[in-house]
Structure formats: structure tokens, C-alpha cells
PDB file of all heavy atoms in Angstrom:
ATOM      1  N   LEU A   1      -1.356   1.757 -10.327  1.00  0.00           N
ATOM      2  CA  LEU A   1      -1.806   2.874 -11.040  1.00  0.00           C
ATOM      3  C   LEU A   1      -2.554   3.973 -10.124  1.00  0.00           C
ATOM      4  O   LEU A   1      -2.648   5.164 -10.401  1.00  0.00           O
ATOM      5  CB  LEU A   1      -2.628   2.534 -12.160  1.00  0.00           C
ATOM      6  CG  LEU A   1      -1.775   1.936 -13.461  1.00  0.00           C
ATOM      7  CD1 LEU A   1      -1.337   0.568 -13.122  1.00  0.00           C
ATOM      8  CD2 LEU A   1      -2.621   2.070 -14.686  1.00  0.00           C
ATOM      9  N   TYR A   2      -3.207   3.444  -9.009  1.00  0.00           N
ATOM     10  CA  TYR A   2      -3.912   4.343  -8.201  1.00  0.00           C
ATOM     11  C   TYR A   2      -2.892   5.275  -7.463  1.00  0.00           C
ATOM     12  O   TYR A   2      -3.096   6.447  -7.451  1.00  0.00           O
ATOM     13  CB  TYR A   2      -4.547   3.427  -7.117  1.00  0.00           C
ATOM     14  CG  TYR A   2      -5.100   4.247  -5.948  1.00  0.00           C
ATOM     15  CD1 TYR A   2      -6.160   5.069  -6.095  1.00  0.00           C
ATOM     16  CD2 TYR A   2      -4.516   4.111  -4.756  1.00  0.00           C
ATOM     17  CE1 TYR A   2      -6.666   5.686  -4.901  1.00  0.00           C
ATOM     18  CE2 TYR A   2      -4.990   4.744  -3.652  1.00  0.00           C
ATOM     19  CZ  TYR A   2      -6.009   5.653  -3.634  1.00  0.00           C
ATOM     20  OH  TYR A   2      -6.399   6.313  -2.596  1.00  0.00           O
ATOM     21  N   HIS A   3      -1.842   4.596  -6.941  1.00  0.00           N
ATOM     22  CA  HIS A   3      -0.766   5.483  -6.219  1.00  0.00           C
ATOM     23  C   HIS A   3      -0.155   6.311  -7.184  1.00  0.00           C
ATOM     24  O   HIS A   3       0.143   7.628  -6.858  1.00  0.00           O
ATOM     25  CB  HIS A   3       0.290   4.548  -5.543  1.00  0.00           C
ATOM     26  CG  HIS A   3      -0.353   3.722  -4.462  1.00  0.00           C
ATOM     27  ND1 HIS A   3      -0.901   4.330  -3.329  1.00  0.00           N
ATOM     28  CD2 HIS A   3      -0.332   2.318  -4.229  1.00  0.00           C
ATOM     29  CE1 HIS A   3      -1.324   3.463  -2.484  1.00  0.00           C
ATOM     30  NE2 HIS A   3      -1.019   2.238  -2.953  1.00  0.00           N
ATOM     31  N   CYS A   4       0.233   5.826  -8.304  1.00  0.00           N
ATOM     32  CA  CYS A   4       0.836   6.733  -9.367  1.00  0.00           C
ATOM     33  C   CYS A   4       0.054   7.880  -9.884  1.00  0.00           C
ATOM     34  O   CYS A   4       0.541   9.148  -9.923  1.00  0.00           O
ATOM     35  CB  CYS A   4       1.240   5.794 -10.610  1.00  0.00           C
ATOM     36  SG  CYS A   4       2.209   6.856 -11.924  1.00  0.00           S
ATOM     37  N   GLN A   5      -1.316   7.597  -9.971  1.00  0.00           N
ATOM     38  CA  GLN A   5      -2.128   8.760 -10.482  1.00  0.00           C
ATOM     39  C   GLN A   5      -2.264   9.947  -9.391  1.00  0.00           C
ATOM     40  O   GLN A   5      -2.218  11.129  -9.780  1.00  0.00           O
ATOM     41  CB  GLN A   5      -3.575   8.209 -10.627  1.00  0.00           C
ATOM     42  CG  GLN A   5      -4.772   9.234 -10.992  1.00  0.00           C
ATOM     43  CD  GLN A   5      -4.504   9.854 -12.326  1.00  0.00           C
ATOM     44  OE1 GLN A   5      -3.662   9.678 -13.165  1.00  0.00           O
ATOM     45  NE2 GLN A   5      -5.444  10.804 -12.589  1.00  0.00           N
ATOM     46  N   ILE A   6      -2.212   9.583  -8.111  1.00  0.00           N
ATOM     47  CA  ILE A   6      -2.241  10.495  -7.128  1.00  0.00           C
ATOM     48  C   ILE A   6      -0.856  11.284  -6.997  1.00  0.00           C
ATOM     49  O   ILE A   6      -0.809  12.469  -6.851  1.00  0.00           O
ATOM     50  CB  ILE A   6      -2.624   9.868  -5.654  1.00  0.00           C
ATOM     51  CG1 ILE A   6      -4.049   9.369  -5.832  1.00  0.00           C
ATOM     52  CG2 ILE A   6      -2.348  10.843  -4.478  1.00  0.00           C
ATOM     53  CD1 ILE A   6      -4.337   8.614  -4.598  1.00  0.00           C
ATOM     54  N   THR A   7       0.260  10.592  -7.073  1.00  0.00           N
ATOM     55  CA  THR A   7       1.550  11.191  -6.858  1.00  0.00           C
ATOM     56  C   THR A   7       2.145  11.744  -8.088  1.00  0.00           C
ATOM     57  O   THR A   7       2.677  12.788  -7.966  1.00  0.00           O
ATOM     58  CB  THR A   7       2.542  10.117  -6.191  1.00  0.00           C
ATOM     59  OG1 THR A   7       1.926   9.484  -5.106  1.00  0.00           O
ATOM     60  CG2 THR A   7       3.902  10.692  -5.828  1.00  0.00           C
ATOM     61  N   GLU A   8       2.017  11.127  -9.180  1.00  0.00           N
ATOM     62  CA  GLU A   8       2.688  11.609 -10.487  1.00  0.00           C
ATOM     63  C   GLU A   8       1.797  11.853 -11.684  1.00  0.00           C
ATOM     64  O   GLU A   8       2.099  12.651 -12.388  1.00  0.00           O
ATOM     65  CB  GLU A   8       3.713  10.504 -10.730  1.00  0.00           C
ATOM     66  CG  GLU A   8       4.741  10.146  -9.644  1.00  0.00           C
ATOM     67  CD  GLU A   8       5.646   8.953 -10.031  1.00  0.00           C
ATOM     68  OE1 GLU A   8       6.370   9.032 -11.031  1.00  0.00           O
ATOM     69  OE2 GLU A   8       5.434   7.921  -9.270  1.00  0.00           O
ATOM     70  N   GLY A   9       0.620  11.064 -11.737  1.00  0.00           N
ATOM     71  CA  GLY A   9      -0.159  11.232 -12.865  1.00  0.00           C
ATOM     72  C   GLY A   9       0.413  10.616 -14.090  1.00  0.00           C
ATOM     73  O   GLY A   9       1.366   9.942 -14.036  1.00  0.00           O
ATOM     74  N   ASP A  10      -0.245  10.817 -15.229  1.00  0.00           N
ATOM     75  CA  ASP A  10       0.306  10.383 -16.570  1.00  0.00           C
ATOM     76  C   ASP A  10       0.554   8.789 -16.560  1.00  0.00           C
ATOM     77  O   ASP A  10       1.457   8.271 -16.973  1.00  0.00           O
ATOM     78  CB  ASP A  10       1.616  11.100 -16.781  1.00  0.00           C
ATOM     79  CG  ASP A  10       1.901  11.148 -18.362  1.00  0.00           C
ATOM     80  OD1 ASP A  10       1.015  10.928 -19.081  1.00  0.00           O
ATOM     81  OD2 ASP A  10       3.116  11.557 -18.733  1.00  0.00           O
ATOM     82  N   VAL A  11      -0.528   8.155 -16.126  1.00  0.00           N
ATOM     83  CA  VAL A  11      -0.335   6.770 -15.752  1.00  0.00           C
ATOM     84  C   VAL A  11      -0.106   5.848 -16.920  1.00  0.00           C
ATOM     85  O   VAL A  11       0.775   4.903 -16.978  1.00  0.00           O
ATOM     86  CB  VAL A  11      -1.611   6.215 -14.892  1.00  0.00           C
ATOM     87  CG1 VAL A  11      -1.580   6.744 -13.537  1.00  0.00           C
ATOM     88  CG2 VAL A  11      -2.888   6.375 -15.579  1.00  0.00           C
ATOM     89  N   THR A  12      -0.707   6.163 -18.161  1.00  0.00           N
ATOM     90  CA  THR A  12      -0.532   5.354 -19.338  1.00  0.00           C
ATOM     91  C   THR A  12       0.936   5.501 -19.783  1.00  0.00           C
ATOM     92  O   THR A  12       1.466   4.416 -19.998  1.00  0.00           O
ATOM     93  CB  THR A  12      -1.475   5.794 -20.315  1.00  0.00           C
ATOM     94  OG1 THR A  12      -2.864   5.757 -19.874  1.00  0.00           O
ATOM     95  CG2 THR A  12      -1.367   4.921 -21.629  1.00  0.00           C
ATOM     96  N   ARG A  13       1.411   6.690 -19.841  1.00  0.00           N
ATOM     97  CA  ARG A  13       2.844   6.881 -20.341  1.00  0.00           C
ATOM     98  C   ARG A  13       3.773   6.227 -19.266  1.00  0.00           C
ATOM     99  O   ARG A  13       4.829   5.521 -19.752  1.00  0.00           O
ATOM    100  CB  ARG A  13       3.143   8.292 -20.514  1.00  0.00           C
ATOM    101  CG  ARG A  13       4.550   8.545 -21.083  1.00  0.00           C
ATOM    102  CD  ARG A  13       4.800  10.081 -21.307  1.00  0.00           C
ATOM    103  NE  ARG A  13       3.947  10.614 -22.185  1.00  0.00           N
ATOM    104  CZ  ARG A  13       4.205  10.601 -23.463  1.00  0.00           C
ATOM    105  NH1 ARG A  13       5.263  10.087 -24.006  1.00  0.00           N
ATOM    106  NH2 ARG A  13       3.349  11.223 -24.359  1.00  0.00           N
ATOM    107  N   LYS A  14       3.494   6.307 -18.007  1.00  0.00           N
ATOM    108  CA  LYS A  14       4.312   5.798 -16.934  1.00  0.00           C
ATOM    109  C   LYS A  14       4.350   4.245 -17.120  1.00  0.00           C
ATOM    110  O   LYS A  14       5.476   3.608 -17.044  1.00  0.00           O
ATOM    111  CB  LYS A  14       3.788   6.123 -15.576  1.00  0.00           C
ATOM    112  CG  LYS A  14       4.186   7.493 -15.152  1.00  0.00           C
ATOM    113  CD  LYS A  14       5.613   7.678 -14.733  1.00  0.00           C
ATOM    114  CE  LYS A  14       5.843   9.213 -14.252  1.00  0.00           C
ATOM    115  NZ  LYS A  14       7.310   9.383 -13.936  1.00  0.00           N
ATOM    116  N   ALA A  15       3.258   3.660 -17.385  1.00  0.00           N
ATOM    117  CA  ALA A  15       3.123   2.170 -17.509  1.00  0.00           C
ATOM    118  C   ALA A  15       3.981   1.737 -18.705  1.00  0.00           C
ATOM    119  O   ALA A  15       4.712   0.753 -18.602  1.00  0.00           O
ATOM    120  CB  ALA A  15       1.732   1.715 -17.711  1.00  0.00           C
ATOM    121  N   GLN A  16       3.948   2.571 -19.746  1.00  0.00           N
ATOM    122  CA  GLN A  16       4.758   2.028 -20.944  1.00  0.00           C
ATOM    123  C   GLN A  16       6.290   2.402 -20.661  1.00  0.00           C
ATOM    124  O   GLN A  16       7.236   1.514 -20.941  1.00  0.00           O
ATOM    125  CB  GLN A  16       4.355   2.873 -22.119  1.00  0.00           C
ATOM    126  CG  GLN A  16       2.996   2.595 -22.542  1.00  0.00           C
ATOM    127  CD  GLN A  16       2.321   3.578 -23.503  1.00  0.00           C
ATOM    128  OE1 GLN A  16       2.832   4.641 -23.624  1.00  0.00           O
ATOM    129  NE2 GLN A  16       1.318   3.228 -24.315  1.00  0.00           N
ATOM    130  N   GLU A  17       6.661   3.383 -20.019  1.00  0.00           N
ATOM    131  CA  GLU A  17       8.001   3.667 -19.816  1.00  0.00           C
ATOM    132  C   GLU A  17       8.693   2.707 -18.739  1.00  0.00           C
ATOM    133  O   GLU A  17       9.833   2.373 -18.893  1.00  0.00           O
ATOM    134  CB  GLU A  17       8.206   5.170 -19.359  1.00  0.00           C
ATOM    135  CG  GLU A  17       7.887   6.274 -20.341  1.00  0.00           C
ATOM    136  CD  GLU A  17       8.090   7.694 -19.755  1.00  0.00           C
ATOM    137  OE1 GLU A  17       7.985   7.794 -18.483  1.00  0.00           O
ATOM    138  OE2 GLU A  17       7.894   8.557 -20.545  1.00  0.00           O
ATOM    139  N   LEU A  18       7.840   2.369 -17.792  1.00  0.00           N
ATOM    140  CA  LEU A  18       8.455   1.546 -16.725  1.00  0.00           C
ATOM    141  C   LEU A  18       8.323   0.075 -17.076  1.00  0.00           C
ATOM    142  O   LEU A  18       8.687  -0.749 -16.166  1.00  0.00           O
ATOM    143  CB  LEU A  18       7.616   1.895 -15.379  1.00  0.00           C
ATOM    144  CG  LEU A  18       7.793   3.221 -14.886  1.00  0.00           C
ATOM    145  CD1 LEU A  18       6.786   3.586 -13.892  1.00  0.00           C
ATOM    146  CD2 LEU A  18       9.208   3.510 -14.310  1.00  0.00           C
ATOM    147  N   LEU A  19       7.849  -0.400 -18.231  1.00  0.00           N
ATOM    148  CA  LEU A  19       7.604  -1.715 -18.503  1.00  0.00           C
ATOM    149  C   LEU A  19       8.754  -2.696 -18.157  1.00  0.00           C
ATOM    150  O   LEU A  19       8.639  -3.757 -17.583  1.00  0.00           O
ATOM    151  CB  LEU A  19       7.021  -1.933 -19.875  1.00  0.00           C
ATOM    152  CG  LEU A  19       6.626  -3.170 -20.345  1.00  0.00           C
ATOM    153  CD1 LEU A  19       5.372  -3.533 -19.542  1.00  0.00           C
ATOM    154  CD2 LEU A  19       6.383  -3.180 -21.840  1.00  0.00           C
ATOM    155  N   PRO A  20      10.121  -2.291 -18.519  1.00  0.00           N
ATOM    156  CA  PRO A  20      11.192  -3.121 -18.044  1.00  0.00           C
ATOM    157  C   PRO A  20      11.341  -3.448 -16.656  1.00  0.00           C
ATOM    158  O   PRO A  20      11.989  -4.483 -16.270  1.00  0.00           O
ATOM    159  CB  PRO A  20      12.297  -2.355 -18.678  1.00  0.00           C
ATOM    160  CG  PRO A  20      11.892  -1.373 -19.751  1.00  0.00           C
ATOM    161  CD  PRO A  20      10.457  -1.036 -19.186  1.00  0.00           C
ATOM    162  N   TYR A  21      10.793  -2.516 -15.816  1.00  0.00           N
ATOM    163  CA  TYR A  21      10.917  -2.758 -14.412  1.00  0.00           C
ATOM    164  C   TYR A  21       9.686  -3.531 -13.727  1.00  0.00           C
ATOM    165  O   TYR A  21       9.735  -4.051 -12.671  1.00  0.00           O
ATOM    166  CB  TYR A  21      10.948  -1.369 -13.651  1.00  0.00           C
ATOM    167  CG  TYR A  21      12.287  -0.695 -13.959  1.00  0.00           C
ATOM    168  CD1 TYR A  21      12.236   0.325 -14.979  1.00  0.00           C
ATOM    169  CD2 TYR A  21      13.477  -0.889 -13.295  1.00  0.00           C
ATOM    170  CE1 TYR A  21      13.323   1.020 -15.229  1.00  0.00           C
ATOM    171  CE2 TYR A  21      14.543  -0.160 -13.497  1.00  0.00           C
ATOM    172  CZ  TYR A  21      14.464   0.958 -14.614  1.00  0.00           C
ATOM    173  OH  TYR A  21      15.598   1.560 -14.924  1.00  0.00           O
ATOM    174  N   ILE A  22       8.480  -3.466 -14.369  1.00  0.00           N
ATOM    175  CA  ILE A  22       7.235  -3.816 -13.725  1.00  0.00           C
ATOM    176  C   ILE A  22       7.214  -5.435 -13.754  1.00  0.00           C
ATOM    177  O   ILE A  22       7.179  -6.129 -14.754  1.00  0.00           O
ATOM    178  CB  ILE A  22       5.977  -3.238 -14.604  1.00  0.00           C
ATOM    179  CG1 ILE A  22       6.050  -1.668 -14.505  1.00  0.00           C
ATOM    180  CG2 ILE A  22       4.838  -3.810 -14.019  1.00  0.00           C
ATOM    181  CD1 ILE A  22       5.055  -1.010 -15.275  1.00  0.00           C
ATOM    182  N   ALA A  23       6.903  -5.860 -12.500  1.00  0.00           N
ATOM    183  CA  ALA A  23       6.747  -7.309 -12.346  1.00  0.00           C
ATOM    184  C   ALA A  23       5.388  -7.504 -12.015  1.00  0.00           C
ATOM    185  O   ALA A  23       4.762  -8.769 -12.050  1.00  0.00           O
ATOM    186  CB  ALA A  23       7.691  -7.864 -11.210  1.00  0.00           C
ATOM    187  N   HIS A  24       4.604  -6.534 -11.553  1.00  0.00           N
ATOM    188  CA  HIS A  24       3.179  -6.733 -11.161  1.00  0.00           C
ATOM    189  C   HIS A  24       2.530  -5.384 -11.223  1.00  0.00           C
ATOM    190  O   HIS A  24       3.266  -4.328 -10.901  1.00  0.00           O
ATOM    191  CB  HIS A  24       3.070  -7.271  -9.867  1.00  0.00           C
ATOM    192  CG  HIS A  24       1.685  -7.614  -9.348  1.00  0.00           C
ATOM    193  ND1 HIS A  24       1.033  -8.683  -9.825  1.00  0.00           N
ATOM    194  CD2 HIS A  24       0.735  -7.027  -8.423  1.00  0.00           C
ATOM    195  CE1 HIS A  24      -0.177  -8.824  -9.221  1.00  0.00           C
ATOM    196  NE2 HIS A  24      -0.352  -7.827  -8.388  1.00  0.00           N
ATOM    197  N   MET A  25       1.209  -5.301 -11.516  1.00  0.00           N
ATOM    198  CA  MET A  25       0.412  -4.100 -11.592  1.00  0.00           C
ATOM    199  C   MET A  25      -0.697  -4.279 -10.663  1.00  0.00           C
ATOM    200  O   MET A  25      -1.112  -5.305 -10.407  1.00  0.00           O
ATOM    201  CB  MET A  25      -0.018  -3.717 -12.912  1.00  0.00           C
ATOM    202  CG  MET A  25       1.041  -3.185 -13.941  1.00  0.00           C
ATOM    203  SD  MET A  25       0.302  -2.579 -15.368  1.00  0.00           S
ATOM    204  CE  MET A  25       1.668  -2.325 -16.387  1.00  0.00           C
ATOM    205  N   GLN A  26      -1.146  -3.070 -10.245  1.00  0.00           N
ATOM    206  CA  GLN A  26      -2.481  -3.000  -9.462  1.00  0.00           C
ATOM    207  C   GLN A  26      -3.285  -1.764  -9.805  1.00  0.00           C
ATOM    208  O   GLN A  26      -2.779  -0.761 -10.311  1.00  0.00           O
ATOM    209  CB  GLN A  26      -2.201  -2.983  -7.874  1.00  0.00           C
ATOM    210  CG  GLN A  26      -1.548  -4.243  -7.393  1.00  0.00           C
ATOM    211  CD  GLN A  26      -1.266  -4.082  -5.925  1.00  0.00           C
ATOM    212  OE1 GLN A  26      -0.812  -3.033  -5.361  1.00  0.00           O
ATOM    213  NE2 GLN A  26      -1.506  -5.127  -5.148  1.00  0.00           N
ATOM    214  N   VAL A  27      -4.610  -1.924  -9.618  1.00  0.00           N
ATOM    215  CA  VAL A  27      -5.458  -0.851 -10.116  1.00  0.00           C
ATOM    216  C   VAL A  27      -6.533  -0.462  -8.919  1.00  0.00           C
ATOM    217  O   VAL A  27      -6.843  -1.233  -8.255  1.00  0.00           O
ATOM    218  CB  VAL A  27      -6.105  -1.021 -11.342  1.00  0.00           C
ATOM    219  CG1 VAL A  27      -5.157  -1.112 -12.679  1.00  0.00           C
ATOM    220  CG2 VAL A  27      -7.096  -2.221 -11.438  1.00  0.00           C
ATOM    221  N   ALA A  28      -6.975   0.734  -8.974  1.00  0.00           N
ATOM    222  CA  ALA A  28      -8.005   1.224  -8.298  1.00  0.00           C
ATOM    223  C   ALA A  28      -8.399   2.616  -8.866  1.00  0.00           C
ATOM    224  O   ALA A  28      -7.448   3.302  -9.338  1.00  0.00           O
ATOM    225  CB  ALA A  28      -7.819   1.149  -6.742  1.00  0.00           C
ATOM    226  N   ASP A  29      -9.650   2.969  -8.915  1.00  0.00           N
ATOM    227  CA  ASP A  29      -9.942   4.387  -9.356  1.00  0.00           C
ATOM    228  C   ASP A  29      -9.642   5.428  -8.377  1.00  0.00           C
ATOM    229  O   ASP A  29      -9.688   5.159  -7.133  1.00  0.00           O
ATOM    230  CB  ASP A  29     -11.466   4.366  -9.806  1.00  0.00           C
ATOM    231  CG  ASP A  29     -11.527   5.239 -11.130  1.00  0.00           C
ATOM    232  OD1 ASP A  29     -10.757   6.021 -11.374  1.00  0.00           O
ATOM    233  OD2 ASP A  29     -12.474   4.929 -11.837  1.00  0.00           O
ATOM    234  N   THR A  30      -9.417   6.561  -8.905  1.00  0.00           N
ATOM    235  CA  THR A  30      -9.112   7.669  -7.918  1.00  0.00           C
ATOM    236  C   THR A  30     -10.352   8.772  -8.156  1.00  0.00           C
ATOM    237  O   THR A  30     -10.899   8.761  -9.174  1.00  0.00           O
ATOM    238  CB  THR A  30      -7.888   8.535  -8.409  1.00  0.00           C
ATOM    239  OG1 THR A  30      -7.868   8.687  -9.795  1.00  0.00           O
ATOM    240  CG2 THR A  30      -6.606   7.683  -8.021  1.00  0.00           C
ATOM    241  N   PRO A  31     -10.702   9.297  -7.070  1.00  0.00           N
ATOM    242  CA  PRO A  31      -9.924   9.558  -5.765  1.00  0.00           C
ATOM    243  C   PRO A  31     -10.259   8.540  -4.753  1.00  0.00           C
ATOM    244  O   PRO A  31      -9.655   8.537  -3.646  1.00  0.00           O
ATOM    245  CB  PRO A  31     -10.346  11.022  -5.385  1.00  0.00           C
ATOM    246  CG  PRO A  31     -11.679  11.185  -5.875  1.00  0.00           C
ATOM    247  CD  PRO A  31     -11.714  10.419  -7.185  1.00  0.00           C
ATOM    248  N   GLY A  32     -11.286   7.715  -4.877  1.00  0.00           N
ATOM    249  CA  GLY A  32     -11.894   6.969  -3.737  1.00  0.00           C
ATOM    250  C   GLY A  32     -11.258   5.588  -3.534  1.00  0.00           C
ATOM    251  O   GLY A  32     -11.730   5.037  -2.522  1.00  0.00           O
ATOM    252  N   ARG A  33     -10.401   5.170  -4.314  1.00  0.00           N
ATOM    253  CA  ARG A  33      -9.805   3.754  -4.266  1.00  0.00           C
ATOM    254  C   ARG A  33     -10.969   2.717  -4.388  1.00  0.00           C
ATOM    255  O   ARG A  33     -10.998   1.702  -3.739  1.00  0.00           O
ATOM    256  CB  ARG A  33      -8.919   3.635  -3.032  1.00  0.00           C
ATOM    257  CG  ARG A  33      -8.020   2.423  -3.238  1.00  0.00           C
ATOM    258  CD  ARG A  33      -6.974   2.224  -2.043  1.00  0.00           C
ATOM    259  NE  ARG A  33      -6.035   1.416  -2.543  1.00  0.00           N
ATOM    260  CZ  ARG A  33      -4.897   1.073  -1.776  1.00  0.00           C
ATOM    261  NH1 ARG A  33      -4.641   1.598  -0.565  1.00  0.00           N
ATOM    262  NH2 ARG A  33      -3.982   0.186  -2.224  1.00  0.00           N
ATOM    263  N   ASN A  34     -11.890   3.056  -5.321  1.00  0.00           N
ATOM    264  CA  ASN A  34     -12.916   2.021  -5.493  1.00  0.00           C
ATOM    265  C   ASN A  34     -12.801   1.455  -6.902  1.00  0.00           C
ATOM    266  O   ASN A  34     -11.712   1.511  -7.543  1.00  0.00           O
ATOM    267  CB  ASN A  34     -14.248   2.806  -5.455  1.00  0.00           C
ATOM    268  CG  ASN A  34     -14.562   3.545  -4.146  1.00  0.00           C
ATOM    269  OD1 ASN A  34     -14.942   4.647  -4.228  1.00  0.00           O
ATOM    270  ND2 ASN A  34     -14.395   2.810  -3.076  1.00  0.00           N
ATOM    271  N   GLU A  35     -13.722   0.742  -7.419  1.00  0.00           N
ATOM    272  CA  GLU A  35     -13.653   0.028  -8.595  1.00  0.00           C
ATOM    273  C   GLU A  35     -13.443   0.865  -9.752  1.00  0.00           C
ATOM    274  O   GLU A  35     -13.953   2.001  -9.927  1.00  0.00           O
ATOM    275  CB  GLU A  35     -14.796  -1.063  -8.819  1.00  0.00           C
ATOM    276  CG  GLU A  35     -15.997  -0.439  -8.710  1.00  0.00           C
ATOM    277  CD  GLU A  35     -16.737  -0.477  -7.404  1.00  0.00           C
ATOM    278  OE1 GLU A  35     -16.188  -0.086  -6.422  1.00  0.00           O
ATOM    279  OE2 GLU A  35     -17.890  -1.012  -7.408  1.00  0.00           O
ATOM    280  N   PRO A  36     -12.777   0.366 -10.815  1.00  0.00           N
ATOM    281  CA  PRO A  36     -12.689   1.062 -12.129  1.00  0.00           C
ATOM    282  C   PRO A  36     -14.104   1.488 -12.647  1.00  0.00           C
ATOM    283  O   PRO A  36     -15.061   0.776 -12.570  1.00  0.00           O
ATOM    284  CB  PRO A  36     -12.060   0.082 -13.024  1.00  0.00           C
ATOM    285  CG  PRO A  36     -11.174  -0.837 -12.297  1.00  0.00           C
ATOM    286  CD  PRO A  36     -12.105  -0.992 -11.068  1.00  0.00           C
ATOM    287  N   GLY A  37     -14.277   2.939 -13.013  1.00  0.00           N
ATOM    288  CA  GLY A  37     -15.375   3.355 -13.512  1.00  0.00           C
ATOM    289  C   GLY A  37     -16.130   4.181 -12.403  1.00  0.00           C
ATOM    290  O   GLY A  37     -17.251   4.798 -12.739  1.00  0.00           O
ATOM    291  N   THR A  38     -15.522   4.290 -11.272  1.00  0.00           N
ATOM    292  CA  THR A  38     -16.250   5.146 -10.182  1.00  0.00           C
ATOM    293  C   THR A  38     -15.537   6.492 -10.007  1.00  0.00           C
ATOM    294  O   THR A  38     -15.971   7.186  -9.138  1.00  0.00           O
ATOM    295  CB  THR A  38     -16.277   4.343  -8.890  1.00  0.00           C
ATOM    296  OG1 THR A  38     -14.858   3.970  -8.601  1.00  0.00           O
ATOM    297  CG2 THR A  38     -17.085   3.064  -9.024  1.00  0.00           C
ATOM    298  N   GLY A  39     -14.527   6.743 -10.769  1.00  0.00           N
ATOM    299  CA  GLY A  39     -13.742   8.018 -10.557  1.00  0.00           C
ATOM    300  C   GLY A  39     -13.331   8.747 -11.885  1.00  0.00           C
ATOM    301  O   GLY A  39     -14.114   8.600 -12.727  1.00  0.00           O
ATOM    302  N   GLU A  40     -12.069   9.182 -11.846  1.00  0.00           N
ATOM    303  CA  GLU A  40     -11.593  10.082 -12.895  1.00  0.00           C
ATOM    304  C   GLU A  40     -10.813   9.455 -14.005  1.00  0.00           C
ATOM    305  O   GLU A  40     -10.491  10.096 -14.989  1.00  0.00           O
ATOM    306  CB  GLU A  40     -10.819  11.162 -12.174  1.00  0.00           C
ATOM    307  CG  GLU A  40      -9.603  10.773 -11.678  1.00  0.00           C
ATOM    308  CD  GLU A  40      -8.682  11.703 -10.818  1.00  0.00           C
ATOM    309  OE1 GLU A  40      -9.274  12.857 -10.567  1.00  0.00           O
ATOM    310  OE2 GLU A  40      -7.690  11.455 -10.386  1.00  0.00           O
ATOM    311  N   VAL A  41     -10.432   8.157 -13.937  1.00  0.00           N
ATOM    312  CA  VAL A  41      -9.614   7.660 -14.996  1.00  0.00           C
ATOM    313  C   VAL A  41     -10.389   6.860 -16.052  1.00  0.00           C
ATOM    314  O   VAL A  41     -11.406   6.205 -15.739  1.00  0.00           O
ATOM    315  CB  VAL A  41      -8.660   6.548 -14.177  1.00  0.00           C
ATOM    316  CG1 VAL A  41      -7.832   5.828 -15.294  1.00  0.00           C
ATOM    317  CG2 VAL A  41      -7.720   7.212 -13.310  1.00  0.00           C
ATOM    318  N   ASN A  42      -9.947   7.069 -17.162  1.00  0.00           N
ATOM    319  CA  ASN A  42     -10.602   6.373 -18.291  1.00  0.00           C
ATOM    320  C   ASN A  42      -9.910   5.004 -18.484  1.00  0.00           C
ATOM    321  O   ASN A  42      -9.007   4.777 -19.255  1.00  0.00           O
ATOM    322  CB  ASN A  42     -10.385   7.231 -19.706  1.00  0.00           C
ATOM    323  CG  ASN A  42     -10.972   6.518 -20.893  1.00  0.00           C
ATOM    324  OD1 ASN A  42     -11.536   5.456 -20.833  1.00  0.00           O
ATOM    325  ND2 ASN A  42     -10.829   7.212 -22.068  1.00  0.00           N
ATOM    326  N   TRP A  43     -10.560   3.971 -17.754  1.00  0.00           N
ATOM    327  CA  TRP A  43      -9.881   2.691 -17.649  1.00  0.00           C
ATOM    328  C   TRP A  43      -9.920   1.935 -18.956  1.00  0.00           C
ATOM    329  O   TRP A  43      -8.903   1.199 -19.195  1.00  0.00           O
ATOM    330  CB  TRP A  43     -10.568   1.999 -16.479  1.00  0.00           C
ATOM    331  CG  TRP A  43     -10.210   2.460 -15.152  1.00  0.00           C
ATOM    332  CD1 TRP A  43     -10.819   3.203 -14.301  1.00  0.00           C
ATOM    333  CD2 TRP A  43      -8.769   2.415 -14.554  1.00  0.00           C
ATOM    334  NE1 TRP A  43     -10.135   3.637 -13.210  1.00  0.00           N
ATOM    335  CE2 TRP A  43      -8.884   3.127 -13.309  1.00  0.00           C
ATOM    336  CE3 TRP A  43      -7.591   1.870 -14.991  1.00  0.00           C
ATOM    337  CZ2 TRP A  43      -7.706   3.272 -12.652  1.00  0.00           C
ATOM    338  CZ3 TRP A  43      -6.512   2.036 -14.253  1.00  0.00           C
ATOM    339  CH2 TRP A  43      -6.630   2.690 -12.904  1.00  0.00           C
ATOM    340  N   PRO A  44     -11.054   1.979 -19.827  1.00  0.00           N
ATOM    341  CA  PRO A  44     -10.788   1.185 -20.951  1.00  0.00           C
ATOM    342  C   PRO A  44      -9.521   1.616 -21.845  1.00  0.00           C
ATOM    343  O   PRO A  44      -8.963   0.780 -22.458  1.00  0.00           O
ATOM    344  CB  PRO A  44     -12.196   1.432 -21.785  1.00  0.00           C
ATOM    345  CG  PRO A  44     -13.119   1.848 -20.616  1.00  0.00           C
ATOM    346  CD  PRO A  44     -12.256   2.415 -19.541  1.00  0.00           C
TER     347      PRO A  44
END
């Protein structure tokens, strides 16, 4: 979701649309690639 947020955005919708393809997910907050809650994404 970190890479997607930078390149494409709309991460929640993307995660739902891509569900048939997804075998694994990863997270980091943007823009600093730090832990959730340190950047711009509403992680809850």
C-alpha cells in the first residue's frame, strides 16, 4: 500500500478491486515509509 499510495493513490479501492490477485500485502505510511500513524494515511 505504500508503493501504491505514491504511484497510484486510492489505496482502499485498489485493495478491494485487486483482491482476486493479491497473495500478500505490505504497509508503511507515506511519505516517510515509517510506521502507520506517522504520515498521511488514515490507517484504521
